[in-house]
């Protein structure tokens, strides 16, 4: 099979706060060339790189807000997050866990640092992705998947480390998350000098985010911690190797483009302007339910 080569390696843009609890670098769609269409079905990626929050009696976070037309996926690397939504979904995710909320036809939700963790504070590191839904599923019923780390398939690579599968599959091992379209999401946790090979269809939009350490891709190009790697839509296989100095953690995402019109406006992502207007009307008339702030 042909090698999937790098299109671009992107350094993190200056961080900004979402609410008062998430200090993020935006990669999708904020970086030129990484717009929603190019990265479809991954239409947003915010990365809260390692940041120390002091203890607080009032948990920091983001208050009640609506979503329609897509899914939010939050991956916890350090710290704890608590989630509640108007469809009854909610829970606490800690280090290694994932919360996967399907907003679909519409929910209100809020996200905060977990109460006890917030009192102590500490290092906080998270990724949030927005995953688009095809038109036929945008108005389906909301749902919530709380995926504990223990439920994830962990593919042993021997002395190289292991790959933790959240969604899709790696070497025939499937992750626990259910998805509406074909996509793969996993963490490569590599020992110093450890190597892993990945294989995705050429037309899938594929990228990697370096969470820890530094890596060598295809034995040639280096990407440092907090950098985003976009692969070309040609070739199927690529390798990632942790540099000798330290272990590495790399988030790998790859998905089949939905190839439908994308019409975003704030917290809604639909297929047309008319659908966005309807979303605002439904929100303003209480059709997204109720959630106390």
Protein backbone atom coordinates (compact mmCIF):
# COMPACT_ATOMS: atom_id res chain seq x y z
CA UNK A 1 0.00 0.00 0.00
CA UNK A 2 1.08 3.56 -0.67
CA UNK A 3 2.32 5.82 2.11
CA UNK A 4 -0.01 8.53 3.39
CA UNK A 5 2.20 11.62 3.40
CA UNK A 6 1.98 14.81 5.46
CA UNK A 7 0.19 17.82 4.01
CA UNK A 8 1.05 20.23 6.82
CA UNK A 9 2.24 20.36 10.44
CA UNK A 10 0.51 23.14 12.36
CA UNK A 11 1.77 24.83 15.53
CA UNK A 12 -0.86 25.86 18.11
CA UNK A 13 -2.43 29.28 17.76
CA UNK A 14 -2.62 31.55 20.84
CA UNK A 15 -4.97 30.10 23.43
CA UNK A 16 -8.31 31.63 24.36
CA UNK A 17 -10.88 30.79 27.03
CA UNK A 18 -14.21 29.09 26.38
CA UNK A 19 -16.22 30.07 29.42
CA UNK A 20 -13.82 30.29 32.35
CA UNK A 21 -12.89 26.61 32.49
CA UNK A 22 -11.39 25.70 29.13
CA UNK A 23 -8.22 27.37 27.84
CA UNK A 24 -8.02 26.13 24.27
CA UNK A 25 -6.05 26.30 21.05
CA UNK A 26 -8.44 26.06 18.11
CA UNK A 27 -7.19 23.96 15.18
CA UNK A 28 -10.43 23.24 13.28
CA UNK A 29 -11.74 25.41 11.67
CA UNK A 30 -9.46 28.21 12.84
CA UNK A 31 -6.29 27.31 10.94
CA UNK A 32 -6.14 28.26 7.22
CA UNK A 33 -6.62 25.09 5.20
CA UNK A 34 -8.36 23.29 8.09
CA UNK A 35 -11.90 24.46 7.42
CA UNK A 36 -14.97 22.31 8.10
CA UNK A 37 -15.20 21.02 4.54
CA UNK A 38 -11.55 19.95 4.43
CA UNK A 39 -11.81 18.09 7.73
CA UNK A 40 -15.37 16.72 7.36
CA UNK A 41 -16.73 14.94 9.41
CA UNK A 42 -14.51 16.61 12.05
CA UNK A 43 -15.86 20.16 11.99
CA UNK A 44 -14.26 21.57 15.16
CA UNK A 45 -11.24 20.73 17.30
CA UNK A 46 -10.36 22.68 20.44
CA UNK A 47 -7.33 21.55 22.41
CA UNK A 48 -6.91 22.50 26.07
CA UNK A 49 -3.15 21.94 26.35
CA UNK A 50 -1.75 21.39 29.84
CA UNK A 51 -2.86 24.25 32.07
CA UNK A 52 -2.87 24.54 35.85
CA UNK A 53 -6.11 25.72 37.44
CA UNK A 54 -6.00 26.84 41.06
CA UNK A 55 -8.55 25.39 43.45
CA UNK A 56 -11.96 27.05 43.51
CA UNK A 57 -15.19 26.57 45.49
CA UNK A 58 -17.14 27.45 42.33
CA UNK A 59 -16.39 25.00 39.50
CA UNK A 60 -15.19 26.73 36.35
CA UNK A 61 -16.73 25.84 33.02
CA UNK A 62 -19.32 26.78 30.41
CA UNK A 63 -22.92 27.53 31.32
CA UNK A 64 -26.08 26.33 29.61
CA UNK A 65 -25.99 26.61 25.82
CA UNK A 66 -27.67 24.86 22.87
CA UNK A 67 -26.42 22.56 20.09
CA UNK A 68 -28.06 21.03 17.03
CA UNK A 69 -26.88 19.01 14.05
CA UNK A 70 -23.68 17.33 15.29
CA UNK A 71 -21.95 15.50 18.14
CA UNK A 72 -19.53 16.78 20.77
CA UNK A 73 -16.72 14.45 21.85
CA UNK A 74 -14.65 15.36 24.91
CA UNK A 75 -11.48 13.38 25.64
CA UNK A 76 -9.92 13.80 29.09
CA UNK A 77 -6.16 13.51 29.46
CA UNK A 78 -5.85 15.26 32.85
CA UNK A 79 -8.51 16.66 35.14
CA UNK A 80 -12.22 15.86 35.50
CA UNK A 81 -15.28 17.29 33.73
CA UNK A 82 -18.93 17.09 34.69
CA UNK A 83 -21.65 17.28 32.01
CA UNK A 84 -25.44 17.70 32.09
CA UNK A 85 -27.88 18.08 29.21
CA UNK A 86 -31.60 18.64 28.71
CA UNK A 87 -32.10 15.15 27.26
CA UNK A 88 -31.09 13.57 30.56
CA UNK A 89 -27.52 12.75 29.62
CA UNK A 90 -24.68 13.50 31.96
CA UNK A 91 -21.91 12.27 34.15
CA UNK A 92 -18.31 12.74 35.18
CA UNK A 93 -15.32 11.87 33.06
CA UNK A 94 -11.82 11.61 34.47
CA UNK A 95 -8.38 10.93 33.08
CA UNK A 96 -8.58 8.63 30.07
CA UNK A 97 -12.38 8.81 29.74
CA UNK A 98 -14.53 10.18 26.90
CA UNK A 99 -17.98 11.75 26.79
CA UNK A 100 -19.76 11.55 23.44
CA UNK A 101 -22.91 13.68 23.20
CA UNK A 102 -25.14 13.46 20.15
CA UNK A 103 -26.97 16.79 20.04
CA UNK A 104 -28.89 15.84 16.87
CA UNK A 105 -32.26 17.67 16.84
CA UNK A 106 -31.25 19.78 19.80
CA UNK A 107 -30.15 19.86 23.41
CA UNK A 108 -29.10 22.34 26.03
CA UNK A 109 -25.97 21.36 27.92
CA UNK A 110 -23.38 22.65 30.34
CA UNK A 111 -19.83 21.53 31.13
CA UNK A 112 -17.88 22.24 34.29
CA UNK A 113 -14.83 21.06 36.16
CA UNK A 114 -16.00 18.28 38.47
CA UNK A 115 -16.84 19.74 41.89
CA UNK A 116 -14.29 17.93 44.05
CA UNK A 117 -11.52 18.23 41.45
CA UNK A 118 -12.26 21.96 41.15
CA UNK A 119 -11.73 22.47 44.90
CA UNK A 120 -8.21 21.07 44.67
CA UNK A 121 -7.35 22.27 41.16
CA UNK A 122 -4.46 20.87 39.17
CA UNK A 123 -3.31 20.17 35.64
CA UNK A 124 -6.15 20.17 33.14
CA UNK A 125 -5.74 18.78 29.59
CA UNK A 126 -8.62 17.95 27.25
CA UNK A 127 -9.64 17.74 23.60
CA UNK A 128 -13.11 18.57 22.32
CA UNK A 129 -14.15 17.56 18.82
CA UNK A 130 -17.35 18.31 16.97
CA UNK A 131 -18.35 15.47 14.66
CA UNK A 132 -20.81 16.32 11.90
CA UNK A 133 -23.98 14.32 11.31
CA UNK A 134 -25.40 13.45 7.89
CA UNK A 135 -28.59 15.28 6.91
CA UNK A 136 -30.75 12.22 7.53
CA UNK A 137 -29.61 12.06 11.18
CA UNK A 138 -29.42 15.74 12.13
CA UNK A 139 -32.97 15.69 13.52
CA UNK A 140 -32.72 12.32 15.24
CA UNK A 141 -33.09 11.98 19.01
CA UNK A 142 -30.22 13.15 21.23
CA UNK A 143 -28.16 10.56 23.08
CA UNK A 144 -25.16 10.40 25.38
CA UNK A 145 -22.30 7.91 25.60
CA UNK A 146 -20.15 7.92 28.73
CA UNK A 147 -17.08 5.91 27.72
CA UNK A 148 -14.82 4.90 30.57
CA UNK A 149 -11.20 4.18 29.83
CA UNK A 150 -11.62 0.61 31.05
CA UNK A 151 -14.16 -0.01 28.26
CA UNK A 152 -11.77 1.01 25.49
CA UNK A 153 -10.03 -1.63 23.44
CA UNK A 154 -6.29 -1.49 24.11
CA UNK A 155 -4.16 -3.04 21.39
CA UNK A 156 -0.83 -4.19 22.79
CA UNK A 157 2.21 -3.26 20.71
CA UNK A 158 4.67 -5.01 23.00
CA UNK A 159 7.71 -2.91 23.87
CA UNK A 160 6.38 -0.15 21.58
CA UNK A 161 3.40 0.67 23.82
CA UNK A 162 -0.28 0.34 22.92
CA UNK A 163 -3.13 1.90 20.96
CA UNK A 164 -6.32 2.82 22.81
CA UNK A 165 -9.35 2.62 20.50
CA UNK A 166 -12.25 5.01 21.20
CA UNK A 167 -14.17 4.62 17.93
CA UNK A 168 -13.67 2.67 14.73
CA UNK A 169 -10.97 0.04 14.80
CA UNK A 170 -7.26 -0.63 14.87
CA UNK A 171 -5.87 -3.92 13.57
CA UNK A 172 -9.31 -5.49 13.84
CA UNK A 173 -9.93 -4.30 17.41
CA UNK A 174 -13.05 -2.14 17.69
CA UNK A 175 -13.67 0.80 20.01
CA UNK A 176 -16.84 1.12 22.14
CA UNK A 177 -18.24 4.37 20.68
CA UNK A 178 -21.11 4.10 18.21
CA UNK A 179 -20.93 6.51 15.25
CA UNK A 180 -23.29 7.60 12.48
CA UNK A 181 -20.66 7.54 9.73
CA UNK A 182 -17.39 5.61 9.29
CA UNK A 183 -14.68 7.15 11.45
CA UNK A 184 -11.75 6.16 13.63
CA UNK A 185 -10.57 7.83 16.83
CA UNK A 186 -7.75 6.50 19.00
CA UNK A 187 -4.81 7.35 21.23
CA UNK A 188 -1.39 5.95 20.41
CA UNK A 189 0.50 5.67 23.69
CA UNK A 190 4.07 4.93 22.67
CA UNK A 191 7.10 4.15 24.77
CA UNK A 192 10.36 5.98 24.08
CA UNK A 193 11.39 4.93 20.58
CA UNK A 194 8.16 2.96 20.15
CA UNK A 195 6.52 2.82 16.74
CA UNK A 196 3.00 2.17 15.45
CA UNK A 197 1.61 1.82 11.91
CA UNK A 198 -1.81 3.05 10.86
CA UNK A 199 -3.89 2.23 7.81
CA UNK A 200 -6.91 4.26 6.69
CA UNK A 201 -8.62 4.64 3.30
CA UNK A 202 -6.97 7.25 1.09
CA UNK A 203 -10.10 9.44 0.86
CA UNK A 204 -10.67 9.59 4.63
CA UNK A 205 -9.70 12.92 6.18
CA UNK A 206 -6.91 11.96 8.57
CA UNK A 207 -4.96 13.90 11.19
CA UNK A 208 -2.95 13.53 14.39
CA UNK A 209 -2.60 15.76 17.44
CA UNK A 210 0.53 15.33 19.55
CA UNK A 211 -0.62 15.34 23.17
CA UNK A 212 2.67 14.37 24.80
CA UNK A 213 6.27 14.09 23.63
CA UNK A 214 7.59 14.47 20.10
CA UNK A 215 7.09 12.09 17.20
CA UNK A 216 8.65 11.14 13.88
CA UNK A 217 6.19 10.50 11.06
CA UNK A 218 7.04 8.05 8.26
CA UNK A 219 10.63 8.07 9.50
CA UNK A 220 11.12 11.60 8.18
CA UNK A 221 9.27 14.58 9.59
CA UNK A 222 9.06 15.57 13.26
CA UNK A 223 6.06 16.97 15.11
CA UNK A 224 6.38 18.35 18.63
CA UNK A 225 3.97 18.33 21.54
CA UNK A 226 0.77 20.37 20.99
CA UNK A 227 1.22 20.32 17.18
CA UNK A 228 -1.39 19.13 14.69
CA UNK A 229 -0.51 16.96 11.69
CA UNK A 230 -2.75 16.87 8.61
CA UNK A 231 -2.25 14.03 6.13
CA UNK A 232 -2.83 14.17 2.38
CA UNK A 233 -5.84 12.37 0.92
CA UNK A 234 -3.67 9.90 -0.93
CA UNK A 235 -2.02 6.70 0.23
CA UNK A 236 -3.25 4.55 3.11
CA UNK A 237 -0.47 3.82 5.60
CA UNK A 238 1.76 5.90 7.86
CA UNK A 239 3.96 5.31 10.88
CA UNK A 240 4.39 7.28 14.08
CA UNK A 241 7.46 6.86 16.27
CA UNK A 242 8.12 8.38 19.69
CA UNK A 243 11.45 10.18 19.74
CA UNK A 244 14.10 8.74 22.03
CA UNK A 245 13.86 11.44 24.71
CA UNK A 246 10.39 10.60 26.11
CA UNK A 247 7.17 8.66 25.77
CA UNK A 248 4.50 10.05 23.42
CA UNK A 249 0.70 10.25 23.35
CA UNK A 250 -0.90 10.99 19.97
CA UNK A 251 -4.60 11.41 19.17
CA UNK A 252 -5.36 9.93 15.73
CA UNK A 253 -8.58 10.82 13.88
CA UNK A 254 -9.70 9.60 10.46
CA UNK A 255 -13.15 9.80 8.94
CA UNK A 256 -15.03 9.42 5.70
CA UNK A 257 -16.27 12.81 4.44
CA UNK A 258 -20.05 13.14 4.52
CA UNK A 259 -19.86 15.39 1.44
CA UNK A 260 -23.02 17.37 2.13
CA UNK A 261 -23.43 21.15 2.44
CA UNK A 262 -22.17 22.48 5.78
CA UNK A 263 -23.95 25.59 7.08
CA UNK A 264 -22.70 26.55 10.56
CA UNK A 265 -23.90 29.37 12.76
CA UNK A 266 -22.69 29.53 16.36
CA UNK A 267 -23.81 26.40 18.21
CA UNK A 268 -25.74 24.96 15.25
CA UNK A 269 -24.39 23.11 12.21
CA UNK A 270 -26.97 22.32 9.55
CA UNK A 271 -27.18 21.98 5.75
CA UNK A 272 -28.86 25.28 4.86
CA UNK A 273 -29.59 28.80 6.07
CA UNK A 274 -33.27 27.90 6.39
CA UNK A 275 -32.42 25.06 8.77
CA UNK A 276 -30.30 27.39 10.89
CA UNK A 277 -33.19 29.87 11.12
CA UNK A 278 -35.46 27.02 12.19
CA UNK A 279 -32.92 25.99 14.83
CA UNK A 280 -32.95 29.48 16.36
CA UNK A 281 -36.75 29.54 16.30
CA UNK A 282 -36.96 26.14 17.97
CA UNK A 283 -34.41 27.19 20.59
CA UNK A 284 -36.22 30.46 21.33
CA UNK A 285 -39.56 28.67 21.69
CA UNK A 286 -38.24 26.13 24.19
CA UNK A 287 -38.10 23.06 21.96
CA UNK A 288 -34.60 22.17 23.18
CA UNK A 289 -35.96 21.44 26.63
CA UNK A 290 -34.95 22.96 29.94
CA UNK A 291 -31.71 22.84 31.91
CA UNK A 292 -30.96 24.80 35.06
CA UNK A 293 -27.78 26.87 34.91
